[in-house]
Protein backbone atom coordinates (compact mmCIF):
# COMPACT_ATOMS: atom_id res chain seq x y z
CA MET A 1 -61.19 31.31 17.12
CA SER A 2 -59.35 33.75 19.40
CA ALA A 3 -57.08 36.44 18.01
CA LYS A 4 -54.06 34.77 19.59
CA TYR A 5 -54.56 31.49 17.69
CA SER A 6 -55.43 33.38 14.52
CA ARG A 7 -52.05 35.11 14.60
CA LEU A 8 -50.27 31.79 15.16
CA LEU A 9 -52.09 30.23 12.20
CA PHE A 10 -51.21 33.23 10.06
CA ILE A 11 -47.54 32.84 10.87
CA VAL A 12 -47.56 29.14 10.04
CA LEU A 13 -49.37 29.66 6.74
CA SER A 14 -47.08 32.53 5.81
CA SER A 15 -44.07 30.36 6.48
CA GLY A 16 -45.58 27.64 4.31
CA MET A 17 -45.90 30.11 1.46
CA LEU A 18 -42.27 31.08 1.84
CA THR A 19 -41.12 27.54 1.13
CA ALA A 20 -42.39 27.89 -2.44
CA CYS A 21 -39.46 30.24 -3.01
CA GLN A 22 -36.99 27.46 -2.21
CA HIS A 23 -35.64 25.92 -5.42
CA ILE A 24 -33.71 22.65 -5.05
CA GLU A 25 -32.41 20.91 -8.12
CA THR A 26 -33.44 17.30 -8.66
CA TYR A 27 -30.52 14.92 -8.38
CA GLN A 28 -29.16 13.85 -11.72
CA LYS A 29 -26.56 11.16 -12.16
CA PRO A 30 -23.34 12.62 -13.66
CA GLN A 31 -22.62 11.60 -17.24
CA VAL A 32 -19.02 10.44 -17.55
CA ALA A 33 -17.45 10.57 -21.00
CA LEU A 34 -16.48 6.98 -21.85
CA ALA A 35 -15.91 5.08 -25.06
CA GLU A 36 -18.86 2.95 -26.14
CA VAL A 37 -16.71 -0.19 -26.19
CA TYR A 38 -13.40 -1.26 -24.66
CA PRO A 39 -10.26 -1.49 -26.75
CA MET A 40 -9.86 -5.18 -27.66
CA GLN A 41 -13.27 -5.94 -26.15
CA LYS A 42 -14.25 -9.54 -25.39
CA GLY A 43 -17.98 -9.97 -25.92
CA THR A 44 -20.78 -7.42 -25.67
CA LYS A 45 -22.64 -8.99 -22.74
CA TYR A 46 -21.16 -9.12 -19.27
CA GLN A 47 -21.48 -12.45 -17.51
CA ALA A 48 -21.10 -12.36 -13.74
CA LEU A 49 -19.05 -15.16 -12.20
CA ILE A 50 -18.55 -16.14 -8.59
CA TRP A 51 -14.85 -15.84 -7.85
CA SER A 52 -14.58 -19.51 -6.90
CA ASP A 53 -16.03 -20.43 -10.32
CA TYR A 54 -13.42 -18.29 -12.08
CA VAL A 55 -10.49 -19.78 -10.15
CA ASN A 56 -9.57 -23.30 -11.22
CA ASP A 57 -7.30 -24.28 -8.32
CA PRO A 58 -8.68 -25.96 -5.14
CA VAL A 59 -5.68 -24.95 -3.01
CA LEU A 60 -6.04 -21.31 -4.03
CA ILE A 61 -9.78 -21.42 -3.28
CA GLN A 62 -9.00 -22.70 0.22
CA VAL A 63 -6.48 -19.90 0.78
CA VAL A 64 -8.97 -17.21 -0.30
CA ASN A 65 -11.71 -18.65 1.90
CA LEU A 66 -9.38 -18.42 4.90
CA ALA A 67 -8.71 -14.78 4.07
CA LEU A 68 -12.45 -14.04 3.81
CA THR A 69 -12.95 -15.61 7.23
CA HIS A 70 -10.08 -14.08 9.20
CA ASN A 71 -8.90 -10.93 7.41
CA ARG A 72 -8.91 -7.90 9.72
CA ASP A 73 -9.60 -5.29 7.03
CA LEU A 74 -12.76 -7.14 6.08
CA LYS A 75 -13.85 -7.28 9.71
CA ILE A 76 -13.25 -3.54 10.05
CA ALA A 77 -15.33 -2.92 6.91
CA ALA A 78 -18.17 -4.99 8.38
CA LEU A 79 -17.99 -2.98 11.61
CA ARG A 80 -18.09 0.24 9.58
CA VAL A 81 -21.40 -0.94 8.13
CA GLN A 82 -22.79 -1.46 11.61
CA GLU A 83 -21.49 1.97 12.61
CA ALA A 84 -23.20 3.64 9.63
CA LYS A 85 -26.42 1.74 10.32
CA ALA A 86 -26.46 2.96 13.92
CA ALA A 87 -25.71 6.53 12.81
CA TYR A 88 -28.63 6.38 10.37
CA GLY A 89 -30.91 5.08 13.13
CA ILE A 90 -29.92 7.99 15.37
CA GLN A 91 -30.57 10.52 12.60
CA ARG A 92 -33.89 8.93 11.62
CA SER A 93 -35.17 9.21 15.19
CA GLU A 94 -35.23 13.01 14.84
CA ALA A 95 -38.29 12.73 12.61
CA TRP A 96 -40.36 11.40 15.51
CA PRO A 97 -41.41 13.10 18.74
CA GLY A 98 -39.52 12.13 21.85
CA ILE A 99 -41.97 10.97 24.52
CA SER A 100 -40.83 10.58 28.11
CA GLY A 101 -42.63 9.68 31.30
CA SER A 102 -42.10 11.27 34.68
CA ALA A 103 -43.14 10.82 38.28
CA GLY A 104 -42.26 13.14 41.11
CA TYR A 105 -42.76 14.04 44.72
CA ASP A 106 -42.16 17.51 46.18
CA ARG A 107 -42.30 18.53 49.86
CA SER A 108 -41.88 22.21 50.67
CA ARG A 109 -42.18 24.60 53.62
CA VAL A 110 -43.13 28.27 53.41
CA PRO A 111 -42.21 30.42 56.43
CA ALA A 112 -44.92 32.44 58.22
CA ASP A 113 -43.81 35.84 56.94
CA LEU A 114 -44.14 34.61 53.33
CA SER A 115 -47.33 32.64 53.79
CA TYR A 116 -50.72 34.04 52.87
CA ALA A 117 -52.13 32.27 55.91
CA GLY A 118 -49.77 34.14 58.22
CA ARG A 119 -48.26 30.94 59.55
CA ALA A 120 -45.69 28.40 58.36
CA VAL A 121 -47.09 25.96 55.85
CA THR A 122 -45.67 22.58 54.88
CA SER A 123 -47.10 20.99 51.72
CA ASP A 124 -46.68 17.84 49.68
CA GLN A 125 -47.21 17.38 45.94
CA TYR A 126 -47.34 14.18 43.91
CA SER A 127 -47.28 14.15 40.11
CA VAL A 128 -47.30 11.66 37.24
CA GLY A 129 -47.21 12.55 33.54
CA ILE A 130 -45.79 12.18 30.07
CA GLY A 131 -44.11 14.88 28.01
CA MET A 132 -42.96 15.70 24.50
CA ASN A 133 -39.85 17.84 24.13
CA GLN A 134 -39.16 20.12 21.14
CA TRP A 135 -40.57 18.02 18.30
CA GLU A 136 -39.72 19.89 15.11
CA LEU A 137 -42.37 19.93 12.40
CA ASP A 138 -40.33 19.15 9.29
CA LEU A 139 -42.27 21.45 6.96
CA TRP A 140 -39.31 22.30 4.72
CA GLY A 141 -37.68 18.85 4.55
CA ARG A 142 -34.57 19.64 6.60
CA ILE A 143 -34.80 16.51 8.74
CA ARG A 144 -35.88 14.35 5.81
CA SER A 145 -32.84 15.54 3.87
CA LEU A 146 -30.53 14.74 6.76
CA ASN A 147 -32.15 11.31 7.02
CA GLU A 148 -31.57 10.73 3.30
CA ALA A 149 -27.94 11.82 3.65
CA ALA A 150 -27.38 9.35 6.51
CA LEU A 151 -29.12 6.57 4.58
CA GLN A 152 -26.94 7.12 1.50
CA GLN A 153 -23.84 7.10 3.69
CA PHE A 154 -24.99 3.75 5.02
CA PHE A 155 -25.40 2.44 1.46
CA ALA A 156 -21.94 3.77 0.56
CA THR A 157 -20.45 1.90 3.51
CA GLU A 158 -22.16 -1.33 2.45
CA TYR A 159 -20.83 -0.99 -1.08
CA ASN A 160 -17.41 -0.20 0.33
CA GLN A 161 -17.55 -3.45 2.30
CA LEU A 162 -18.10 -5.29 -0.99
CA ALA A 163 -15.18 -3.39 -2.54
CA VAL A 164 -12.94 -4.38 0.39
CA ARG A 165 -14.06 -7.99 0.00
CA ASN A 166 -13.14 -7.93 -3.69
CA SER A 167 -9.81 -6.35 -2.83
CA ILE A 168 -9.00 -9.07 -0.27
CA ILE A 169 -9.84 -11.81 -2.77
CA GLN A 170 -7.75 -10.11 -5.47
CA GLN A 171 -4.75 -9.58 -3.22
CA ALA A 172 -4.85 -13.18 -2.00
CA ILE A 173 -5.01 -14.56 -5.55
CA GLN A 174 -2.26 -12.26 -6.80
CA SER A 175 -0.01 -13.12 -3.85
CA TYR A 176 -0.58 -16.81 -4.55
CA VAL A 177 0.34 -16.31 -8.22
CA THR A 178 3.43 -14.33 -7.19
CA LEU A 179 4.49 -17.18 -4.91
CA SER A 180 4.03 -19.56 -7.84
CA GLU A 181 6.19 -17.32 -10.02
CA LEU A 182 8.95 -17.05 -7.42
CA GLU A 183 8.91 -20.79 -6.80
CA LYS A 184 9.50 -21.43 -10.50
CA ARG A 185 12.16 -18.73 -10.81
CA ILE A 186 13.95 -20.13 -7.77
CA TYR A 187 13.92 -23.58 -9.38
CA PHE A 188 15.64 -22.27 -12.52
CA ALA A 189 18.07 -20.17 -10.46
CA GLN A 190 19.02 -23.12 -8.25
CA ARG A 191 19.60 -25.30 -11.29
CA SER A 192 21.83 -22.62 -12.82
CA VAL A 193 23.75 -22.14 -9.56
CA GLN A 194 24.39 -25.89 -9.33
CA SER A 195 25.77 -25.84 -12.86
CA TYR A 196 27.95 -22.81 -12.06
CA GLU A 197 29.27 -24.46 -8.90
CA LYS A 198 30.30 -27.47 -10.94
CA SER A 199 32.10 -25.24 -13.43
CA VAL A 200 33.90 -23.36 -10.64
CA ARG A 201 35.14 -26.64 -9.11
CA ILE A 202 36.42 -27.83 -12.48
CA PHE A 203 38.21 -24.63 -13.41
CA LYS A 204 39.59 -24.12 -9.94
CA ARG A 205 41.14 -27.57 -10.10
CA ARG A 206 42.47 -26.98 -13.59
CA TYR A 207 43.97 -23.68 -12.53
CA GLU A 208 45.59 -25.28 -9.46
CA VAL A 209 47.26 -28.02 -11.55
CA GLY A 210 48.28 -25.55 -14.25
CA ALA A 211 45.96 -26.92 -16.92
CA GLY A 212 43.80 -23.81 -17.14
CA SER A 213 44.05 -20.04 -16.84
CA LYS A 214 43.05 -17.94 -13.88
CA VAL A 215 40.87 -15.85 -16.21
CA GLU A 216 38.60 -18.81 -16.91
CA TYR A 217 38.44 -19.61 -13.21
CA MET A 218 37.48 -15.99 -12.34
CA GLN A 219 34.91 -15.89 -15.12
CA ALA A 220 33.24 -19.00 -13.75
CA GLN A 221 33.38 -17.59 -10.21
CA THR A 222 31.77 -14.31 -11.38
CA LEU A 223 28.93 -16.18 -13.04
CA LEU A 224 28.40 -18.21 -9.84
CA THR A 225 28.33 -15.05 -7.73
CA ASN A 226 25.72 -13.46 -9.99
CA GLY A 227 23.58 -16.59 -9.84
CA GLN A 228 23.83 -16.80 -6.04
CA THR A 229 22.90 -13.11 -5.73
CA LEU A 230 19.82 -13.59 -7.90
CA LEU A 231 18.83 -16.68 -5.91
CA ALA A 232 19.12 -14.78 -2.61
CA GLN A 233 16.97 -11.95 -3.99
CA LEU A 234 14.31 -14.38 -5.17
CA GLN A 235 14.24 -16.20 -1.83
CA LYS A 236 13.91 -12.88 -0.01
CA SER A 237 10.96 -11.91 -2.22
CA GLN A 238 9.40 -15.32 -1.64
CA ASP A 239 9.61 -14.98 2.15
CA MET A 240 8.19 -11.44 2.09
CA THR A 241 5.33 -12.46 -0.20
CA ALA A 242 4.56 -15.39 2.09
CA ASN A 243 4.52 -13.03 5.09
CA TYR A 244 2.10 -10.74 3.27
CA LEU A 245 -0.16 -13.65 2.42
CA VAL A 246 -0.22 -14.71 6.08
CA GLN A 247 -1.25 -11.16 7.02
CA LEU A 248 -4.03 -11.25 4.41
CA ILE A 249 -5.29 -14.57 5.73
CA GLY A 250 -5.20 -13.24 9.27
CA GLN A 251 -3.71 -16.30 10.95
CA PRO A 252 -0.55 -18.44 10.69
CA ILE A 253 -0.77 -21.19 8.07
CA ALA A 254 1.58 -23.46 6.23
CA ILE A 255 2.32 -21.49 3.07
CA PRO A 256 1.81 -23.67 0.00
CA LYS A 257 4.45 -23.91 -2.72
CA PRO A 258 2.23 -23.78 -5.78
CA ASP A 259 3.25 -24.75 -9.28
CA LEU A 260 2.73 -21.84 -11.67
CA ASP A 261 1.77 -24.21 -14.47
CA GLN A 262 -1.07 -25.63 -12.34
CA VAL A 263 -2.73 -22.26 -11.59
CA THR A 264 -5.43 -21.63 -14.19
CA PHE A 265 -8.47 -19.40 -14.61
CA LYS A 266 -11.64 -19.86 -16.63
CA THR A 267 -10.86 -16.97 -18.92
CA GLY A 268 -12.94 -18.31 -21.79
CA VAL A 269 -16.27 -17.69 -20.04
CA LEU A 270 -15.44 -14.17 -18.82
CA GLN A 271 -17.12 -11.53 -21.01
CA THR A 272 -16.34 -7.84 -20.59
CA GLY A 273 -19.70 -6.43 -21.66
CA LEU A 274 -20.07 -2.68 -22.26
CA PRO A 275 -18.40 0.15 -20.29
CA SER A 276 -21.82 1.40 -19.15
CA GLU A 277 -22.27 -1.83 -17.19
CA LEU A 278 -19.39 -0.90 -14.92
CA MET A 279 -21.72 1.52 -13.15
CA LEU A 280 -23.76 -1.42 -11.91
CA ASN A 281 -21.06 -4.05 -11.46
CA ARG A 282 -18.31 -2.19 -9.58
CA PRO A 283 -18.99 -1.71 -5.86
CA ASP A 284 -16.52 1.19 -5.63
CA ILE A 285 -18.53 3.09 -8.28
CA ARG A 286 -21.77 2.35 -6.47
CA SER A 287 -20.20 3.55 -3.21
CA ALA A 288 -19.03 6.79 -4.85
CA GLU A 289 -22.52 7.37 -6.28
CA ALA A 290 -24.15 6.80 -2.88
CA MET A 291 -21.78 9.36 -1.33
CA LEU A 292 -22.74 11.76 -4.11
CA ASN A 293 -26.40 11.27 -3.24
CA SER A 294 -25.59 11.95 0.40
CA LYS A 295 -23.85 15.23 -0.43
CA HIS A 296 -26.79 16.27 -2.59
CA ALA A 297 -29.20 15.66 0.29
CA ASN A 298 -27.01 17.77 2.56
CA ILE A 299 -27.59 20.73 0.22
CA HIS A 300 -31.34 20.36 0.78
CA ALA A 301 -30.81 20.39 4.54
CA ALA A 302 -28.52 23.42 4.41
CA ARG A 303 -31.02 25.43 2.33
CA ALA A 304 -33.93 24.40 4.55
CA ALA A 305 -32.12 25.93 7.51
CA PHE A 306 -33.00 29.40 6.12
CA PHE A 307 -36.68 28.80 6.85
CA PRO A 308 -38.48 29.01 10.19
CA ARG A 309 -38.36 26.05 12.53
CA ILE A 310 -41.62 25.16 14.25
CA ALA A 311 -41.37 22.95 17.30
CA LEU A 312 -43.96 21.52 19.64
CA THR A 313 -43.48 20.99 23.35
CA GLY A 314 -46.18 19.63 25.61
CA SER A 315 -46.99 17.51 28.59
CA PHE A 316 -49.98 15.83 30.17
CA GLY A 317 -50.32 14.40 33.65
CA THR A 318 -51.96 14.54 37.00
CA ALA A 319 -50.95 16.14 40.29
CA SER A 320 -52.29 16.17 43.82
CA THR A 321 -51.26 16.98 47.35
CA GLU A 322 -52.27 13.47 48.32
CA LEU A 323 -50.90 10.28 46.77
CA ASP A 324 -54.35 8.69 46.58
CA GLY A 325 -55.72 11.78 44.89
CA LEU A 326 -53.51 11.59 41.80
CA PHE A 327 -56.19 10.06 39.64
CA ASN A 328 -59.25 11.78 41.06
CA SER A 329 -61.41 13.92 38.84
CA GLY A 330 -60.03 17.40 38.36
CA SER A 331 -56.38 16.53 39.10
CA GLU A 332 -55.30 16.68 35.43
CA LEU A 333 -52.69 19.19 34.34
CA TRP A 334 -51.30 19.86 30.86
CA THR A 335 -49.14 22.26 28.88
CA PHE A 336 -48.87 22.89 25.14
CA SER A 337 -46.10 25.19 23.93
CA PRO A 338 -45.62 25.56 20.16
CA SER A 339 -42.67 27.71 19.21
CA ILE A 340 -41.28 29.16 16.03
CA SER A 341 -37.76 30.40 15.44
CA ILE A 342 -36.77 32.46 12.41
CA PRO A 343 -33.12 33.09 11.53
CA ILE A 344 -32.52 36.82 11.25
CA PHE A 345 -28.79 37.34 11.61
CA THR A 346 -26.29 34.46 11.64
CA ALA A 347 -23.13 36.28 10.44
CA GLY A 348 -23.10 34.29 7.19
CA ARG A 349 -23.21 30.88 8.89
CA LEU A 350 -26.24 29.59 6.99
CA LYS A 351 -25.02 30.90 3.65
CA ASN A 352 -21.61 29.35 4.16
CA ASN A 353 -23.23 26.07 5.17
CA VAL A 354 -24.95 25.99 1.79
CA THR A 355 -21.71 26.89 0.01
CA LEU A 356 -19.88 24.17 1.92
CA ALA A 357 -22.52 21.58 1.02
CA GLU A 358 -22.39 22.58 -2.65
CA VAL A 359 -18.60 22.43 -2.77
CA ARG A 360 -18.63 19.00 -1.13
CA GLN A 361 -21.13 17.85 -3.73
CA ASP A 362 -18.84 19.12 -6.51
CA ILE A 363 -15.97 17.20 -4.92
CA ALA A 364 -18.14 14.08 -4.77
CA VAL A 365 -19.01 14.49 -8.46
CA SER A 366 -15.32 14.69 -9.38
CA GLU A 367 -14.54 11.68 -7.20
CA TYR A 368 -17.34 9.72 -8.83
CA GLU A 369 -16.13 10.62 -12.33
CA LYS A 370 -12.56 9.76 -11.37
CA THR A 371 -13.69 6.37 -10.01
CA VAL A 372 -15.57 5.57 -13.22
CA GLN A 373 -12.67 6.62 -15.46
CA ASN A 374 -10.22 4.65 -13.34
CA ALA A 375 -12.43 1.56 -13.62
CA PHE A 376 -12.54 1.91 -17.42
CA ARG A 377 -8.76 2.25 -17.54
CA GLU A 378 -8.28 -0.84 -15.37
CA VAL A 379 -10.40 -2.92 -17.74
CA ALA A 380 -8.61 -1.52 -20.80
CA ASP A 381 -5.18 -2.15 -19.21
CA ALA A 382 -6.07 -5.73 -18.34
CA LEU A 383 -7.30 -6.40 -21.88
CA ALA A 384 -4.17 -4.83 -23.36
CA GLY A 385 -2.01 -6.83 -20.97
CA GLN A 386 -3.63 -10.10 -21.96
CA ARG A 387 -3.23 -9.44 -25.66
CA HIS A 388 0.37 -8.28 -25.65
CA LEU A 389 1.61 -10.58 -22.89
CA THR A 390 0.21 -13.58 -24.77
CA LYS A 391 2.23 -12.62 -27.85
CA GLN A 392 5.27 -11.79 -25.74
CA LEU A 393 5.13 -15.16 -24.00
CA GLN A 394 5.00 -16.97 -27.33
CA VAL A 395 8.03 -15.07 -28.61
CA GLN A 396 9.94 -15.62 -25.38
CA GLN A 397 9.16 -19.33 -25.48
CA GLN A 398 10.75 -19.54 -28.92
CA GLY A 399 13.71 -17.47 -27.72
CA LEU A 400 14.12 -19.65 -24.63
CA ASN A 401 14.34 -22.75 -26.80
CA ALA A 402 16.98 -21.01 -28.90
CA PHE A 403 19.00 -19.97 -25.82
CA ARG A 404 18.97 -23.52 -24.50
CA GLU A 405 20.21 -24.87 -27.80
CA THR A 406 22.87 -22.14 -27.97
CA ALA A 407 24.12 -23.04 -24.48
CA ARG A 408 24.25 -26.72 -25.39
CA LEU A 409 26.18 -26.04 -28.59
CA ALA A 410 28.58 -23.64 -26.86
CA GLN A 411 29.40 -26.29 -24.24
CA LEU A 412 29.87 -28.90 -26.97
CA ARG A 413 32.19 -26.64 -28.98
CA TYR A 414 34.18 -25.80 -25.88
CA ASP A 415 34.57 -29.48 -25.04
CA ASN A 416 35.96 -30.02 -28.54
CA GLY A 417 38.32 -27.05 -28.23
CA ALA A 418 36.59 -24.94 -30.87
CA VAL A 419 35.84 -21.93 -28.61
CA GLY A 420 36.99 -20.50 -25.30
CA TYR A 421 35.04 -20.79 -22.09
CA LEU A 422 33.97 -17.15 -22.34
CA ASP A 423 31.51 -18.19 -25.07
CA VAL A 424 30.08 -20.84 -22.75
CA LEU A 425 29.70 -18.30 -19.93
CA ASP A 426 27.94 -15.83 -22.20
CA ALA A 427 25.53 -18.52 -23.39
CA GLN A 428 24.76 -19.65 -19.82
CA ARG A 429 24.28 -16.06 -18.64
CA SER A 430 21.88 -15.37 -21.51
CA LEU A 431 20.00 -18.60 -20.81
CA MET A 432 19.53 -17.75 -17.12
CA SER A 433 18.23 -14.28 -17.98
CA ALA A 434 15.86 -15.70 -20.65
CA GLU A 435 14.45 -18.26 -18.19
CA GLN A 436 13.76 -15.59 -15.57
CA GLN A 437 12.09 -13.25 -18.07
CA TRP A 438 9.96 -16.06 -19.45
CA VAL A 439 8.60 -16.94 -15.99
CA GLU A 440 8.00 -13.25 -15.22
CA THR A 441 5.94 -12.86 -18.40
CA GLN A 442 3.99 -16.03 -17.66
CA SER A 443 3.14 -14.67 -14.21
CA ALA A 444 2.26 -11.22 -15.59
CA LEU A 445 -0.19 -12.82 -18.02
CA MET A 446 -1.90 -14.67 -15.19
CA GLN A 447 -2.02 -11.48 -13.13
CA SER A 448 -3.80 -9.80 -16.04
CA TYR A 449 -6.46 -12.52 -15.91
CA VAL A 450 -7.00 -11.72 -12.24
CA SER A 451 -6.99 -7.96 -12.85
CA LEU A 452 -9.60 -8.19 -15.61
CA TYR A 453 -12.00 -10.20 -13.47
CA PHE A 454 -11.93 -7.68 -10.63
CA ALA A 455 -11.80 -4.64 -12.92
CA LEU A 456 -15.14 -5.76 -14.35
CA GLY A 457 -16.69 -5.90 -10.89
CA GLY A 458 -15.33 -9.03 -9.28
CA ASP A 459 -17.78 -11.10 -7.28
CA SER A 460 -20.68 -9.01 -8.55
CA ASN A 461 -23.32 -11.62 -7.87
CA ILE A 462 -23.63 -10.02 -4.40
CA ILE A 463 -23.54 -6.42 -5.63
CA THR A 464 -26.84 -5.45 -4.00
CA PRO A 465 -26.34 -4.69 -0.31
CA SER A 466 -28.78 -5.95 2.29
């Protein structure tokens, strides 16, 4: 072996020994401090349900399916997956040598005063070959780390697509429940307004003929105005919620007017399981963990940049002054050019790249922990909401019955001259407020059913990306 190749081998082996000094910590999944069980936990084993199995309303299922077909946010999320897949493919290609073919023809003329023959010479040259340009030997894992980072980003994007899908389903269901609530509240408000309008007509007539006081007439008019204001506010909210639902669906549709009492969920079969299962069931947590893996791989790549880079460049082909001589014996030509570059002075760029990668990993750890803690809180809030709203609804139902009886008795006593109309107005005002609060609580309880399902992971039967 010549001295030249011996020196090259010595450099390569020395560089290989240097890599033993590189210490890269093995990735370890962060341990987030969580309670072992949820407050007011329902079951110790999580049971995954398809969203359409949890929802017990065919009209609502049809609405959600339209949203999953036409929603623009979901389409953007799907395109993001394709974007990340293409980016990973580009990065992965760096691990392989780039081979290119070439064919050329050169015709040149050398003047007589520059020619060795002492006369002008015109020559032709034909060439055909293949070449390899700057293929880096990934001895220290820099390219492999970058490949891993791109792959984890792709996984994160896929999990994010699942999270967006869950979000679209949840928003569609909640908007549908809100429409159901508003429809029922509008019904009670319209019934109250009709009753107030009747009272205003009666007391206006009595005041005009001198059989009643203006105070009673104004009191009735005030109650009517309050009822009409509430009705206008509810109708405004109904129209805006319907507009939002149309945007979620992604195309104009005839907005249904659902009955809140007909919207039900299969809450009895939904089990919360243990908090540790959230790590596997929630796509947003899986996405955050994949991003954390990506940042960890970037640290490997940044540290590997301190070590020498060895690249190979070469070509092989054939050349001749005659086209039919390209493939004759002895026309072969080739080049082989290994190179090595060693960073000596970079003004702190490489060191700061490592610091930047480490800081970004620390940020990713905090974001992951925040996502896990937020998921735990969402489950706990939904469980607390179900428990307390159920009790609240029972109490309000009893109170609503009492308010209705009070309004009936106040009207009866007024008709018999036992009390003034102010007592009737107070009873009707209290009844209207009790009816509205009762419907709001009923809707809030149903929203908590929806929130719990998605807080536990939603449609987690498709949690594993392709």
